[in-house]
Amino acid sequence: MLQIWMPEADGTWHWSIGERWQSAHTLEQLIQDIQAHHGEEATVFFPSRDVQIIQQNMPKAQYKQLGAEGVKYLLEEYTLSSIEQMKVLHHFQAPEQLTVLGISKHRLETLQHALSLIPVKLVSLLPDFLILPVPDAEQVILGYVEERLLFRSNTWLGGSIDDLAVFLDYQAANQKYKICNFSASHMHSLNASVTQEQLESFHYEWTALPRAKQYPWNLLPKVKEQHVSTGYWKACAAVLVALIVTQLTYDATRWYQNKKLAEQVAVQAVDQFKYWFGANYPVSEQTLRSQFEYQLKMNKQADAQALSLLSRVGPVLMQQQIVANQVVYEANSLNMQLKANSAEALQTLTQQLNQQGFQVELGNIQPTTGGAIGMVKIQ
C-alpha cells in the first residue's frame, strides 16, 4: 500500500511503497512522483503535534461505566479547545491501560482538504509517531527521521519533540532510551541528562504499518456495509414527502420570525451606537454603517493578535503539561491563569517563553492540591 508522510507547514513531503522514504519538496512534485499509483489505496501520516494524547491506568469496570462519551472528557483539562470542537478516539488495553487521543475538528478538516488534492484513495489517517517501531517494555524510542524528532513510549503513545532537553526533564531519571540518527546537538542534550547505560542505538528501517485501516488512531470514519431493500426505498420516499411538507411550513414560520428579529436587531443597533458615541450623536444609516465597520475591524484585529499569541504559546503549554484555566486578551497582552504540577514548572515555563522572545510576567503563585496555580501575562 502507498504510504504518504505529510510535512509540518511548508516542509518536504515523503512517500513510500514499503521501503525507504522518498522525498518530494512540493505537493505538485509528490503528485507527479506517485503518478504510477494514482487511484490506489493510501495511508497518510500527519504531524503528531496536531493531536493531544493522554494515557492512564483505569479499572475496566470504571472504563465501562464512563462509556465512550465520558472518556472524551478526560482530555478536557489538557486542551484549550472544548471537547465539542474535537474528534476524540480512545483505546483500552487490558488489564487497565486507557489511551485517549484528540484532534481539533477544524484541523482535521484542513488536513482532509489538503489531501483531497492527491489522486489516491485515502483509507487511513494516522499520527506520524507511528512510523517509529514499538519499543520494548520500560523503554522509549527516540528517532530523528527525515529531519523530524519523534518519540514513542509504547504501542499507543508517542508524539513529536520541539525541545529535547525539556522533553528529557519530564521523563523518569532511570528511563531507558533507544535512539537512531541523532545529531551532535541531540547527543549533547542526551548526555547532559542520561547516562550511557540508559542508551541503546539502532538502525532505523521503515516498515509499513500492518492493518492500518483498523488501527485505533485512524481518524477516518469506519465504512460499514449497508444492506438495503425495496421496502427501504419506499420508506425513504414517504419520509421525503413528509419532510417537504414540513419544510414548507417551517420556511413560512421562519420568514415571519426573521422579520421580527430584523426589527429587534435594528433597535439594538441604534442602542449600541448611542452607547458607543453618546445619545446626542446623529443617528443615520450612513453613520451606523461606518462606525460599526470601524468597531468590528478593531475587534477583528484584536482577535487575530490573540490567536497568533495562542498558536505560539499553546504548544509549549501542552508539551509541559500545563493547563490554562482562564484566558483573557486585552491591551495587547494575553493574561492566563495556569495550573501546573508545581511552582517550579511555572517558573520554568516563564524562563522558556522569555528565551523565545516573549515578554512574560509571572504573578502570585498559589499552591493547590496536586500542584500550583499562577497568573501569567504574555506579550
Protein backbone atom coordinates (compact mmCIF):
# COMPACT_ATOMS: atom_id res chain seq x y z
CA MET A 1 0.00 0.00 0.00
CA LEU A 2 1.17 3.54 -0.73
CA GLN A 3 2.32 5.45 2.36
CA ILE A 4 2.43 9.28 2.42
CA TRP A 5 4.01 11.39 5.17
CA MET A 6 2.72 14.96 5.41
CA PRO A 7 5.10 17.84 6.23
CA GLU A 8 4.88 20.38 9.00
CA ALA A 9 3.90 23.75 7.49
CA ASP A 10 5.56 24.07 4.06
CA GLY A 11 8.15 21.34 4.56
CA THR A 12 9.01 18.30 2.48
CA TRP A 13 6.53 15.53 1.66
CA HIS A 14 7.64 11.88 1.79
CA TRP A 15 6.19 8.72 0.30
CA SER A 16 6.93 5.01 0.24
CA ILE A 17 5.57 1.77 -1.16
CA GLY A 18 7.02 -0.30 1.68
CA GLU A 19 10.71 0.54 1.51
CA ARG A 20 12.66 3.68 2.40
CA TRP A 21 11.05 7.11 2.30
CA GLN A 22 11.24 9.09 -0.96
CA SER A 23 11.24 12.91 -0.83
CA ALA A 24 9.04 15.40 -2.70
CA HIS A 25 9.72 19.07 -2.00
CA THR A 26 6.23 20.23 -3.02
CA LEU A 27 2.73 18.80 -3.27
CA GLU A 28 2.91 19.15 -7.05
CA GLN A 29 6.10 17.09 -7.14
CA LEU A 30 4.52 14.43 -4.89
CA ILE A 31 1.54 14.08 -7.26
CA GLN A 32 3.95 13.70 -10.17
CA ASP A 33 6.18 11.19 -8.35
CA ILE A 34 3.29 8.89 -7.37
CA GLN A 35 1.62 9.05 -10.78
CA ALA A 36 2.00 5.29 -11.20
CA HIS A 37 -0.08 4.78 -8.04
CA HIS A 38 -2.97 7.16 -8.82
CA GLY A 39 -6.29 5.75 -7.62
CA GLU A 40 -4.66 3.24 -5.26
CA GLU A 41 -5.38 3.00 -1.54
CA ALA A 42 -3.06 5.07 0.64
CA THR A 43 -2.21 5.53 4.31
CA VAL A 44 -1.26 9.07 5.31
CA PHE A 45 0.77 10.07 8.37
CA PHE A 46 0.23 13.64 9.62
CA PRO A 47 2.30 15.64 12.19
CA SER A 48 1.79 14.28 15.71
CA ARG A 49 1.91 17.81 17.14
CA ASP A 50 -1.66 18.22 15.82
CA VAL A 51 -3.01 15.75 18.41
CA GLN A 52 -3.19 15.58 22.19
CA ILE A 53 -2.70 12.11 23.72
CA ILE A 54 -3.02 11.04 27.34
CA GLN A 55 -2.55 7.61 28.86
CA GLN A 56 -3.61 6.47 32.32
CA ASN A 57 -4.49 3.38 34.29
CA MET A 58 -8.19 2.76 34.84
CA PRO A 59 -10.00 -0.37 36.01
CA LYS A 60 -12.12 -1.94 33.29
CA ALA A 61 -15.29 -1.55 35.36
CA GLN A 62 -14.72 2.20 35.66
CA TYR A 63 -13.93 2.42 31.93
CA LYS A 64 -17.22 0.72 31.05
CA GLN A 65 -19.08 2.99 33.46
CA LEU A 66 -17.69 6.11 31.75
CA GLY A 67 -18.55 4.90 28.25
CA ALA A 68 -17.27 6.43 25.01
CA GLU A 69 -18.81 9.84 25.74
CA GLY A 70 -17.44 10.04 29.27
CA VAL A 71 -13.93 9.04 28.19
CA LYS A 72 -13.80 12.08 25.87
CA TYR A 73 -13.90 14.48 28.80
CA LEU A 74 -10.71 13.03 30.30
CA LEU A 75 -8.97 15.23 27.71
CA GLU A 76 -10.74 18.39 28.85
CA GLU A 77 -8.06 19.69 31.23
CA TYR A 78 -5.24 19.05 28.72
CA THR A 79 -6.52 21.12 25.79
CA LEU A 80 -7.54 24.73 25.15
CA SER A 81 -10.33 23.65 22.79
CA SER A 82 -13.71 22.47 24.02
CA ILE A 83 -14.37 18.75 23.69
CA GLU A 84 -17.30 19.51 21.38
CA GLN A 85 -14.79 21.06 18.93
CA MET A 86 -12.60 17.95 18.89
CA LYS A 87 -12.67 14.48 17.39
CA VAL A 88 -11.73 12.07 20.17
CA LEU A 89 -10.67 8.43 19.86
CA HIS A 90 -9.67 6.04 22.62
CA HIS A 91 -8.25 2.55 23.11
CA PHE A 92 -8.48 0.33 26.19
CA GLN A 93 -5.90 -2.41 26.65
CA ALA A 94 -6.44 -4.96 29.37
CA PRO A 95 -5.96 -5.08 32.22
CA GLU A 96 -6.25 -1.32 32.83
CA GLN A 97 -4.43 0.87 30.28
CA LEU A 98 -6.59 3.60 28.71
CA THR A 99 -5.21 5.87 25.97
CA VAL A 100 -7.19 8.86 24.65
CA LEU A 101 -6.34 10.87 21.50
CA GLY A 102 -7.96 14.14 20.42
CA ILE A 103 -7.61 16.50 17.46
CA SER A 104 -9.38 19.74 16.59
CA LYS A 105 -12.20 19.12 14.12
CA HIS A 106 -11.14 22.25 12.24
CA ARG A 107 -7.56 20.95 11.93
CA LEU A 108 -8.84 17.55 10.76
CA GLU A 109 -10.96 19.20 8.06
CA THR A 110 -7.91 21.21 6.94
CA LEU A 111 -5.83 18.03 6.64
CA GLN A 112 -8.52 16.24 4.66
CA HIS A 113 -8.95 19.23 2.34
CA ALA A 114 -5.21 19.28 1.58
CA LEU A 115 -5.17 15.52 0.96
CA SER A 116 -8.18 15.70 -1.37
CA LEU A 117 -5.84 17.23 -3.96
CA ILE A 118 -3.84 13.97 -4.14
CA PRO A 119 -5.37 11.46 -6.62
CA VAL A 120 -5.37 8.45 -4.29
CA LYS A 121 -7.98 6.64 -2.21
CA LEU A 122 -7.32 7.69 1.38
CA VAL A 123 -8.13 4.80 3.74
CA SER A 124 -6.14 5.67 6.86
CA LEU A 125 -5.02 8.93 8.51
CA LEU A 126 -2.59 8.41 11.40
CA PRO A 127 -0.21 10.47 13.63
CA ASP A 128 3.38 10.20 12.43
CA PHE A 129 4.94 8.88 15.65
CA LEU A 130 3.65 5.50 14.40
CA ILE A 131 6.46 5.40 11.81
CA LEU A 132 8.77 4.51 14.71
CA PRO A 133 8.96 0.86 15.85
CA VAL A 134 7.18 -0.27 19.01
CA PRO A 135 9.61 -0.02 21.96
CA ASP A 136 10.39 -2.78 24.40
CA ALA A 137 8.91 -2.62 27.89
CA GLU A 138 10.37 0.15 30.08
CA GLN A 139 11.97 1.77 27.03
CA VAL A 140 11.29 4.90 24.93
CA ILE A 141 12.14 5.14 21.22
CA LEU A 142 13.70 8.47 20.13
CA GLY A 143 14.12 8.86 16.38
CA TYR A 144 15.38 11.67 14.18
CA VAL A 145 13.78 10.69 10.87
CA GLU A 146 13.75 12.93 7.79
CA GLU A 147 14.69 15.93 9.96
CA ARG A 148 11.86 15.36 12.45
CA LEU A 149 12.39 14.39 16.07
CA LEU A 150 9.77 11.88 17.28
CA PHE A 151 9.27 9.68 20.31
CA ARG A 152 7.25 6.54 21.01
CA SER A 153 6.69 5.36 24.56
CA ASN A 154 4.63 2.27 23.76
CA THR A 155 2.25 0.88 21.15
CA TRP A 156 -0.32 3.65 21.56
CA LEU A 157 1.57 6.67 22.96
CA GLY A 158 4.04 8.97 21.20
CA GLY A 159 4.48 12.37 19.63
CA SER A 160 6.84 14.99 18.25
CA ILE A 161 9.55 16.81 20.23
CA ASP A 162 10.32 20.53 19.93
CA ASP A 163 12.99 20.77 22.62
CA LEU A 164 14.78 17.53 23.53
CA ALA A 165 16.22 18.93 26.77
CA VAL A 166 12.77 19.95 28.02
CA PHE A 167 11.32 16.56 26.99
CA LEU A 168 14.02 14.70 28.95
CA ASP A 169 13.37 16.84 32.06
CA TYR A 170 9.87 15.35 32.27
CA GLN A 171 10.99 11.72 31.98
CA ALA A 172 11.89 9.39 34.83
CA ALA A 173 15.52 9.67 35.94
CA ASN A 174 16.20 5.99 35.22
CA GLN A 175 14.28 5.89 31.90
CA LYS A 176 15.98 3.85 29.15
CA TYR A 177 16.08 5.10 25.56
CA LYS A 178 16.62 3.54 22.16
CA ILE A 179 17.85 6.15 19.67
CA CYS A 180 18.53 6.47 15.94
CA ASN A 181 20.02 9.06 13.57
CA PHE A 182 20.84 11.53 16.34
CA SER A 183 22.88 14.64 15.52
CA ALA A 184 25.72 16.02 17.65
CA SER A 185 23.39 18.57 19.27
CA HIS A 186 20.87 15.85 20.13
CA MET A 187 23.61 13.74 21.70
CA HIS A 188 24.77 16.75 23.71
CA SER A 189 21.26 17.13 25.17
CA LEU A 190 21.08 13.40 25.91
CA ASN A 191 24.48 13.23 27.60
CA ALA A 192 23.53 16.15 29.83
CA SER A 193 20.51 14.26 31.19
CA VAL A 194 21.14 10.49 30.94
CA THR A 195 24.00 8.03 31.28
CA GLN A 196 25.42 5.80 28.57
CA GLU A 197 23.95 2.78 30.36
CA GLN A 198 20.47 4.17 29.64
CA LEU A 199 21.10 4.50 25.89
CA GLU A 200 20.93 1.99 23.08
CA SER A 201 21.32 2.80 19.37
CA PHE A 202 19.51 1.11 16.49
CA HIS A 203 19.36 1.36 12.71
CA TYR A 204 16.03 2.75 11.54
CA GLU A 205 14.30 0.97 8.66
CA TRP A 206 10.80 1.96 7.58
CA THR A 207 8.29 -0.88 7.75
CA ALA A 208 4.69 -0.33 6.62
CA LEU A 209 2.15 -0.41 9.44
CA PRO A 210 0.04 -3.60 9.24
CA ARG A 211 -3.76 -3.30 9.29
CA ALA A 212 -3.58 0.50 9.07
CA LYS A 213 -7.31 0.74 8.23
CA GLN A 214 -8.29 -0.91 11.52
CA TYR A 215 -5.76 0.97 13.67
CA PRO A 216 -7.41 2.67 16.69
CA TRP A 217 -5.86 6.07 15.79
CA ASN A 218 -7.22 6.07 12.23
CA LEU A 219 -9.08 9.41 12.11
CA LEU A 220 -11.13 8.48 9.06
CA PRO A 221 -14.66 7.19 9.72
CA LYS A 222 -15.07 3.43 9.56
CA VAL A 223 -17.06 2.37 6.50
CA LYS A 224 -19.70 -0.27 7.17
CA GLU A 225 -21.65 -2.29 4.64
CA GLN A 226 -25.29 -1.36 4.28
CA HIS A 227 -27.94 -3.85 3.17
CA VAL A 228 -30.92 -2.17 1.51
CA SER A 229 -34.19 -3.45 0.16
CA THR A 230 -37.12 -2.22 -1.91
CA GLY A 231 -39.11 -1.56 1.25
CA TYR A 232 -36.28 0.67 2.48
CA TRP A 233 -36.55 2.93 -0.58
CA LYS A 234 -40.34 3.11 -0.27
CA ALA A 235 -39.95 4.24 3.31
CA CYS A 236 -37.39 6.84 2.18
CA ALA A 237 -39.85 8.22 -0.39
CA ALA A 238 -42.58 8.55 2.23
CA VAL A 239 -40.22 10.29 4.62
CA LEU A 240 -39.07 12.63 1.83
CA VAL A 241 -42.65 13.75 1.09
CA ALA A 242 -43.27 14.37 4.77
CA LEU A 243 -40.05 16.37 5.00
CA ILE A 244 -41.02 18.58 2.04
CA VAL A 245 -44.37 19.44 3.64
CA THR A 246 -42.67 20.11 6.96
CA GLN A 247 -40.01 22.27 5.30
CA LEU A 248 -42.60 24.45 3.56
CA THR A 249 -44.38 25.04 6.86
CA TYR A 250 -41.09 25.72 8.60
CA ASP A 251 -39.96 28.23 5.93
CA ALA A 252 -43.15 30.26 6.29
CA THR A 253 -42.78 30.37 10.07
CA ARG A 254 -39.09 31.20 9.75
CA TRP A 255 -39.78 34.13 7.41
CA TYR A 256 -42.14 35.68 9.94
CA GLN A 257 -39.67 35.13 12.81
CA ASN A 258 -36.78 36.61 10.80
CA LYS A 259 -38.84 39.71 10.02
CA LYS A 260 -39.47 40.26 13.74
CA LEU A 261 -35.80 39.57 14.51
CA ALA A 262 -34.65 42.13 11.93
CA GLU A 263 -36.78 44.78 13.61
CA GLN A 264 -35.32 43.90 17.02
CA VAL A 265 -31.75 44.00 15.67
CA ALA A 266 -32.33 47.46 14.21
CA VAL A 267 -33.42 48.76 17.63
CA GLN A 268 -30.42 47.09 19.33
CA ALA A 269 -28.02 48.54 16.74
CA VAL A 270 -29.22 52.08 17.48
CA ASP A 271 -28.93 51.46 21.25
CA GLN A 272 -25.39 50.10 20.84
CA PHE A 273 -24.46 53.08 18.65
CA LYS A 274 -25.67 55.54 21.29
CA TYR A 275 -23.75 53.62 23.95
CA TRP A 276 -20.51 53.99 21.96
CA PHE A 277 -20.92 57.62 20.78
CA GLY A 278 -23.46 59.25 23.09
CA ALA A 279 -27.18 59.89 22.84
CA ASN A 280 -26.69 63.25 21.07
CA TYR A 281 -24.61 61.87 18.18
CA PRO A 282 -26.67 61.98 14.92
CA VAL A 283 -28.02 58.54 14.00
CA SER A 284 -28.43 57.68 10.32
CA GLU A 285 -27.91 54.63 8.12
CA GLN A 286 -24.54 56.02 6.97
CA THR A 287 -23.20 56.75 10.47
CA LEU A 288 -24.38 53.37 11.74
CA ARG A 289 -22.66 51.53 8.90
CA SER A 290 -19.34 53.40 9.04
CA GLN A 291 -18.93 53.34 12.82
CA PHE A 292 -19.97 49.68 13.20
CA GLU A 293 -17.49 48.69 10.49
CA TYR A 294 -14.73 50.53 12.37
CA GLN A 295 -15.58 48.89 15.70
CA LEU A 296 -15.78 45.41 14.17
CA LYS A 297 -12.47 45.93 12.38
CA MET A 298 -10.78 46.78 15.69
CA ASN A 299 -12.25 43.66 17.31
CA LYS A 300 -11.11 41.51 14.40
CA GLN A 301 -7.55 42.81 14.68
CA ALA A 302 -7.54 42.06 18.41
CA ASP A 303 -8.84 38.52 17.74
CA ALA A 304 -6.09 37.92 15.17
CA GLN A 305 -3.39 39.09 17.60
CA ALA A 306 -4.81 36.90 20.37
CA LEU A 307 -4.93 33.84 18.13
CA SER A 308 -1.36 34.49 16.97
CA LEU A 309 -0.11 34.55 20.57
CA LEU A 310 -2.13 31.43 21.49
CA SER A 311 -0.83 29.50 18.47
CA ARG A 312 2.76 30.13 19.63
CA VAL A 313 2.24 29.67 23.36
CA GLY A 314 -0.23 26.74 23.21
CA PRO A 315 2.25 24.04 22.06
CA VAL A 316 4.68 24.98 24.86
CA LEU A 317 1.90 24.61 27.46
CA MET A 318 0.85 21.24 26.04
CA GLN A 319 4.44 19.96 25.97
CA GLN A 320 4.98 20.89 29.61
CA GLN A 321 1.53 19.57 30.61
CA ILE A 322 0.39 22.94 31.94
CA VAL A 323 -3.34 23.69 31.76
CA ALA A 324 -4.85 27.13 31.07
CA ASN A 325 -7.87 27.52 33.37
CA GLN A 326 -8.62 31.03 32.12
CA VAL A 327 -7.51 33.05 29.07
CA VAL A 328 -8.18 36.79 28.60
CA TYR A 329 -6.77 39.02 25.84
CA GLU A 330 -6.73 42.77 26.50
CA ALA A 331 -4.40 45.73 25.91
CA ASN A 332 -2.23 43.66 23.53
CA SER A 333 -1.49 41.17 26.34
CA LEU A 334 -2.51 37.58 26.95
CA ASN A 335 -3.48 37.05 30.60
CA MET A 336 -3.68 33.40 31.59
CA GLN A 337 -4.44 31.53 34.79
CA LEU A 338 -2.23 28.44 34.56
CA LYS A 339 -2.36 25.21 36.52
CA ALA A 340 0.88 23.22 36.77
CA ASN A 341 2.27 20.27 38.70
CA SER A 342 4.45 22.64 40.76
CA ALA A 343 5.51 26.25 41.20
CA GLU A 344 8.86 25.33 39.67
CA ALA A 345 7.08 24.27 36.47
CA LEU A 346 5.51 27.73 36.15
CA GLN A 347 8.88 29.40 36.71
CA THR A 348 10.49 27.12 34.10
CA LEU A 349 7.72 27.99 31.64
CA THR A 350 8.30 31.71 32.23
CA GLN A 351 12.02 31.36 31.58
CA GLN A 352 11.46 29.33 28.41
CA LEU A 353 8.95 31.81 26.97
CA ASN A 354 11.26 34.73 27.75
CA GLN A 355 14.06 32.92 25.91
CA GLN A 356 11.77 32.55 22.90
CA GLY A 357 11.30 36.33 22.66
CA PHE A 358 8.08 36.81 24.63
CA GLN A 359 7.69 39.38 27.40
CA VAL A 360 6.40 37.30 30.30
CA GLU A 361 5.40 38.38 33.81
CA LEU A 362 4.64 35.73 36.43
CA GLY A 363 2.24 36.89 39.13
CA ASN A 364 1.43 35.36 42.50
CA ILE A 365 1.61 31.57 42.70
CA GLN A 366 -0.90 29.78 44.90
CA PRO A 367 -0.28 26.16 45.94
CA THR A 368 -3.18 23.78 45.33
CA THR A 369 -3.82 20.10 45.82
CA GLY A 370 -1.50 18.33 43.41
CA GLY A 371 0.17 21.45 42.00
CA ALA A 372 0.10 25.22 41.79
CA ILE A 373 -1.89 27.99 40.09
CA GLY A 374 -0.34 31.23 38.85
CA MET A 375 -1.26 34.24 36.74
CA VAL A 376 0.94 34.85 33.70
CA LYS A 377 0.94 37.92 31.45
CA ILE A 378 2.40 37.37 27.96
CA GLN A 379 3.17 39.95 25.26
